[in-house]
């Protein structure tokens, strides 16, 4: 399958699942996941399954716990209690699976943030190549070759020698996506990846994320771009006050069961 990424082209081989999603082990499973900051409980016992190749969208008002859930999955925030299993390894307080290390988790899960978090003194190529050298142990030459490939995937090979200040916000976010993809994660987490962009730059980033989804990547996305969420989401999870209020497939956007979810969708259209 060939995917166009705003000027770059990547050929990918998509492996079709051999069984329906419910018959496969989730790549991410949380059970009773809680996170508190002092006396403030931000996650109040989240149960979530993310299957290989699935695209999960997290929706909800500000302060509902969406970003904290993503950051807990990636151990940027340590869960207070509950179970977090990623690729068969436990990263919270559960005991039914072998323990995983943060290094192992970071090799499994890539993350793209609201802010681009690029090193301003490094070129686009070096921003992508640095984790390949530090995490994967690649030589500079091999890391640069792989970084060039992933910049090409997001249509930015021609900007490889540019520094972040010489790139638009949308281009910087696409470099951040290339950096996360370069480590070959099994799962990509996107935390409101367009919220820091001017409106005219949102489309180019969404096209890139859409192409990542079409390549078969497992994804969990926090977004308020409802049209995009409706298009790519296999499962939508609506949260409020750290609780899952409602979940649904593509019918969620037209057949919400709860009034709170209907009110939210109406407000953000």
Protein backbone atom coordinates (compact mmCIF):
# COMPACT_ATOMS: atom_id res chain seq x y z
CA UNK A 1 0.00 0.00 0.00
CA UNK A 2 1.39 3.41 -1.01
CA UNK A 3 0.56 6.38 1.21
CA UNK A 4 1.09 10.01 0.20
CA UNK A 5 2.29 12.16 3.11
CA UNK A 6 2.06 15.76 1.85
CA UNK A 7 4.71 15.33 -0.79
CA UNK A 8 6.53 12.26 0.53
CA UNK A 9 5.72 8.67 -0.38
CA UNK A 10 6.15 5.55 1.66
CA UNK A 11 5.38 1.99 0.65
CA UNK A 12 4.12 -0.12 3.52
CA UNK A 13 2.97 -3.69 3.86
CA UNK A 14 -0.11 -3.99 5.99
CA UNK A 15 -0.66 -7.32 7.70
CA UNK A 16 -4.33 -8.14 7.92
CA UNK A 17 -5.47 -9.50 11.30
CA UNK A 18 -6.00 -13.22 11.46
CA UNK A 19 -8.84 -12.92 13.96
CA UNK A 20 -11.46 -10.33 14.93
CA UNK A 21 -10.21 -7.69 17.41
CA UNK A 22 -12.02 -9.23 20.38
CA UNK A 23 -10.10 -12.49 19.84
CA UNK A 24 -6.68 -10.84 19.96
CA UNK A 25 -4.67 -9.74 22.97
CA UNK A 26 -4.88 -5.96 23.40
CA UNK A 27 -1.58 -4.18 22.92
CA UNK A 28 -2.73 -1.81 25.71
CA UNK A 29 -5.01 -2.82 28.57
CA UNK A 30 -5.82 -0.73 31.63
CA UNK A 31 -7.92 -1.95 34.53
CA UNK A 32 -8.96 0.35 37.37
CA UNK A 33 -6.23 2.82 36.40
CA UNK A 34 -6.09 5.75 38.81
CA UNK A 35 -3.93 8.84 39.00
CA UNK A 36 -3.99 11.43 41.77
CA UNK A 37 -2.04 14.62 42.30
CA UNK A 38 -2.15 15.08 46.05
CA UNK A 39 -5.81 15.04 47.04
CA UNK A 40 -6.99 15.60 43.47
CA UNK A 41 -7.94 12.39 41.66
CA UNK A 42 -7.63 12.98 37.91
CA UNK A 43 -8.22 9.40 36.74
CA UNK A 44 -10.86 7.53 38.69
CA UNK A 45 -10.46 3.93 37.58
CA UNK A 46 -10.12 3.66 33.80
CA UNK A 47 -10.73 0.39 31.94
CA UNK A 48 -9.51 0.50 28.34
CA UNK A 49 -8.49 -2.03 25.70
CA UNK A 50 -6.59 -1.01 22.56
CA UNK A 51 -6.16 -3.78 20.00
CA UNK A 52 -3.45 -4.02 17.32
CA UNK A 53 -4.25 -1.78 14.37
CA UNK A 54 -7.08 -0.03 16.23
CA UNK A 55 -7.50 3.75 16.29
CA UNK A 56 -8.91 4.97 19.60
CA UNK A 57 -10.07 8.57 20.02
CA UNK A 58 -10.33 10.13 23.50
CA UNK A 59 -12.89 12.94 23.72
CA UNK A 60 -14.06 15.06 26.61
CA UNK A 61 -14.04 18.56 28.08
CA UNK A 62 -10.88 20.19 29.39
CA UNK A 63 -9.83 18.62 32.68
CA UNK A 64 -11.55 15.31 31.96
CA UNK A 65 -8.30 13.33 32.23
CA UNK A 66 -7.58 12.65 28.55
CA UNK A 67 -4.00 13.89 28.51
CA UNK A 68 -3.28 12.38 31.92
CA UNK A 69 -4.44 9.01 30.61
CA UNK A 70 -2.06 9.26 27.65
CA UNK A 71 0.82 10.38 29.88
CA UNK A 72 0.09 7.51 32.27
CA UNK A 73 0.17 4.99 29.43
CA UNK A 74 3.62 6.31 28.51
CA UNK A 75 4.72 6.54 32.20
CA UNK A 76 5.29 10.27 31.93
CA UNK A 77 2.90 10.19 34.87
CA UNK A 78 3.12 7.20 37.20
CA UNK A 79 -0.32 5.65 37.82
CA UNK A 80 -1.34 5.78 41.47
CA UNK A 81 -2.99 2.36 41.32
CA UNK A 82 -4.51 -0.13 38.95
CA UNK A 83 -3.10 -2.18 36.10
CA UNK A 84 -1.39 -0.96 32.92
CA UNK A 85 -0.37 -3.75 30.55
CA UNK A 86 1.43 -2.84 27.31
CA UNK A 87 2.51 -5.61 24.94
CA UNK A 88 2.05 -8.21 27.67
CA UNK A 89 4.11 -6.40 30.34
CA UNK A 90 2.81 -4.70 33.48
CA UNK A 91 3.79 -1.08 34.20
CA UNK A 92 1.57 -0.21 37.17
CA UNK A 93 0.61 -2.08 40.35
CA UNK A 94 -0.98 -5.13 38.73
CA UNK A 95 0.71 -8.50 39.28
CA UNK A 96 -0.74 -10.81 36.62
CA UNK A 97 1.92 -10.05 33.98
CA UNK A 98 5.73 -9.82 33.90
CA UNK A 99 7.09 -6.42 34.85
CA UNK A 100 8.27 -4.12 32.10
CA UNK A 101 10.92 -1.41 32.28
CA UNK A 102 10.43 2.21 31.20
CA UNK A 103 13.02 1.69 28.46
CA UNK A 104 11.05 -1.24 27.07
CA UNK A 105 7.85 0.80 27.18
CA UNK A 106 9.38 3.75 25.35
CA UNK A 107 10.52 1.40 22.58
CA UNK A 108 6.95 0.15 22.24
CA UNK A 109 5.01 3.41 22.53
CA UNK A 110 5.72 6.64 20.64
CA UNK A 111 4.16 9.95 21.65
CA UNK A 112 3.49 13.27 19.94
CA UNK A 113 2.67 16.22 22.19
CA UNK A 114 0.70 19.46 21.89
CA UNK A 115 3.98 21.36 21.81
CA UNK A 116 6.57 20.10 19.36
CA UNK A 117 9.41 19.62 21.88
CA UNK A 118 12.11 19.88 19.23
CA UNK A 119 15.66 20.83 20.16
CA UNK A 120 16.08 24.36 18.77
CA UNK A 121 19.83 23.96 18.21
CA UNK A 122 19.42 20.82 16.07
CA UNK A 123 18.29 20.54 12.48
CA UNK A 124 15.17 18.59 11.55
CA UNK A 125 17.39 15.66 10.55
CA UNK A 126 19.31 15.72 13.82
CA UNK A 127 16.11 15.99 15.88
CA UNK A 128 14.90 12.75 14.31
CA UNK A 129 18.31 11.02 14.36
CA UNK A 130 19.18 11.78 17.99
CA UNK A 131 16.85 9.18 19.62
CA UNK A 132 17.95 6.62 17.03
CA UNK A 133 21.50 6.99 18.32
CA UNK A 134 20.67 7.31 22.03
CA UNK A 135 17.85 4.73 22.26
CA UNK A 136 18.54 2.34 19.40
CA UNK A 137 22.32 2.65 19.45
CA UNK A 138 22.62 3.30 15.72
CA UNK A 139 25.75 4.80 14.25
CA UNK A 140 25.53 8.41 13.11
CA UNK A 141 25.46 7.34 9.47
CA UNK A 142 22.71 4.76 9.97
CA UNK A 143 20.70 7.12 12.18
CA UNK A 144 20.94 9.89 9.58
CA UNK A 145 19.79 7.54 6.82
CA UNK A 146 16.82 6.39 8.85
CA UNK A 147 15.98 9.96 9.88
CA UNK A 148 16.03 11.05 6.24
CA UNK A 149 13.65 8.19 5.39
CA UNK A 150 11.19 9.25 8.08
CA UNK A 151 11.36 12.91 7.14
CA UNK A 152 10.50 11.78 3.63
CA UNK A 153 7.51 9.90 5.04
CA UNK A 154 6.09 13.18 6.35
CA UNK A 155 7.01 15.17 3.25
CA UNK A 156 9.87 17.13 4.81
CA UNK A 157 13.06 15.66 3.36
CA UNK A 158 13.74 18.96 1.60
CA UNK A 159 13.72 20.65 5.04
CA UNK A 160 16.15 18.20 6.66
CA UNK A 161 18.81 20.86 7.16
CA UNK A 162 16.45 23.48 8.59
CA UNK A 163 16.30 24.40 12.28
CA UNK A 164 12.95 24.52 14.11
CA UNK A 165 12.86 28.33 13.99
CA UNK A 166 13.01 28.08 10.18
CA UNK A 167 9.97 25.80 10.03
CA UNK A 168 6.27 26.55 10.37
CA UNK A 169 4.37 25.12 13.32
CA UNK A 170 2.84 22.46 11.11
CA UNK A 171 6.25 21.47 9.77
CA UNK A 172 7.67 21.29 13.30
CA UNK A 173 4.84 18.99 14.35
CA UNK A 174 5.48 16.77 11.32
CA UNK A 175 9.14 16.55 12.33
CA UNK A 176 7.97 15.48 15.79
CA UNK A 177 5.80 12.78 14.19
CA UNK A 178 8.77 11.60 12.10
CA UNK A 179 10.90 11.44 15.26
CA UNK A 180 8.32 9.23 17.00
CA UNK A 181 7.87 6.98 13.96
CA UNK A 182 11.62 6.51 13.52
CA UNK A 183 11.77 4.26 16.60
CA UNK A 184 9.29 1.80 15.04
CA UNK A 185 6.74 1.91 17.89
CA UNK A 186 3.88 -0.54 18.08
CA UNK A 187 1.57 2.24 19.29
CA UNK A 188 1.46 5.98 18.66
CA UNK A 189 -0.09 8.37 21.19
CA UNK A 190 -1.16 11.82 19.96
CA UNK A 191 -2.01 14.41 22.63
CA UNK A 192 -3.99 17.17 20.87
CA UNK A 193 -1.34 17.42 18.15
CA UNK A 194 -3.01 20.38 16.39
CA UNK A 195 -3.98 22.51 19.39
CA UNK A 196 -0.86 24.71 19.20
CA UNK A 197 -1.22 25.38 15.46
CA UNK A 198 -2.73 28.24 13.53
CA UNK A 199 -5.95 27.08 11.84
CA UNK A 200 -4.45 27.09 8.34
CA UNK A 201 -1.73 24.65 9.46
CA UNK A 202 -4.03 22.08 11.07
CA UNK A 203 -4.86 20.32 7.81
CA UNK A 204 -1.30 19.35 6.92
CA UNK A 205 -0.74 17.70 10.31
CA UNK A 206 -4.08 15.87 10.19
CA UNK A 207 -3.23 14.57 6.72
CA UNK A 208 0.02 13.18 8.10
CA UNK A 209 -1.70 11.52 11.07
CA UNK A 210 -4.40 10.15 8.75
CA UNK A 211 -1.71 8.54 6.59
CA UNK A 212 -0.09 7.02 9.69
CA UNK A 213 -3.48 5.55 10.59
CA UNK A 214 -3.94 4.18 7.06
CA UNK A 215 -0.58 2.43 7.29
CA UNK A 216 -2.03 0.19 10.03
CA UNK A 217 -0.45 1.86 13.06
CA UNK A 218 -2.20 1.34 16.41
CA UNK A 219 -3.10 4.80 17.70
CA UNK A 220 -4.65 6.59 20.67
CA UNK A 221 -5.53 10.20 19.84
CA UNK A 222 -6.74 13.06 22.02
CA UNK A 223 -8.33 15.67 19.77
CA UNK A 224 -11.13 18.20 19.51
CA UNK A 225 -11.14 17.92 15.70
CA UNK A 226 -14.46 16.10 15.56
CA UNK A 227 -14.51 15.58 11.80
CA UNK A 228 -11.09 13.94 11.95
CA UNK A 229 -12.09 11.87 15.00
CA UNK A 230 -15.19 10.60 13.23
CA UNK A 231 -13.15 9.68 10.17
CA UNK A 232 -10.26 7.76 11.77
CA UNK A 233 -11.68 6.52 15.08
CA UNK A 234 -12.58 2.84 15.34
CA UNK A 235 -13.42 3.35 19.01
CA UNK A 236 -14.35 6.64 20.67
CA UNK A 237 -14.04 6.99 24.46
CA UNK A 238 -15.78 9.96 26.07
CA UNK A 239 -14.38 10.98 29.47
CA UNK A 240 -15.46 13.45 32.13
CA UNK A 241 -14.07 13.99 35.64
CA UNK A 242 -11.63 11.12 35.14
CA UNK A 243 -14.33 8.60 34.34
CA UNK A 244 -15.40 6.86 31.12
CA UNK A 245 -18.91 8.16 30.47
CA UNK A 246 -19.56 6.44 27.14
CA UNK A 247 -17.79 4.47 24.43
CA UNK A 248 -18.83 3.66 20.90
CA UNK A 249 -17.77 2.86 17.38
CA UNK A 250 -18.35 5.08 14.37
CA UNK A 251 -22.01 5.37 15.33
CA UNK A 252 -21.00 7.32 18.45
CA UNK A 253 -21.23 10.66 16.63
CA UNK A 254 -24.85 10.15 15.56
CA UNK A 255 -26.23 7.81 18.22
CA UNK A 256 -24.83 8.93 21.59
CA UNK A 257 -26.61 7.25 24.48
CA UNK A 258 -25.79 9.88 27.14
CA UNK A 259 -27.00 13.47 27.17
CA UNK A 260 -23.58 14.66 28.34
CA UNK A 261 -21.85 13.24 25.26
CA UNK A 262 -24.54 14.71 22.97
CA UNK A 263 -24.11 18.13 24.60
CA UNK A 264 -20.34 17.96 24.15
CA UNK A 265 -20.55 17.05 20.46
CA UNK A 266 -23.04 19.83 19.86
CA UNK A 267 -20.75 22.36 21.58
CA UNK A 268 -17.61 21.48 19.62
CA UNK A 269 -19.14 21.17 16.12
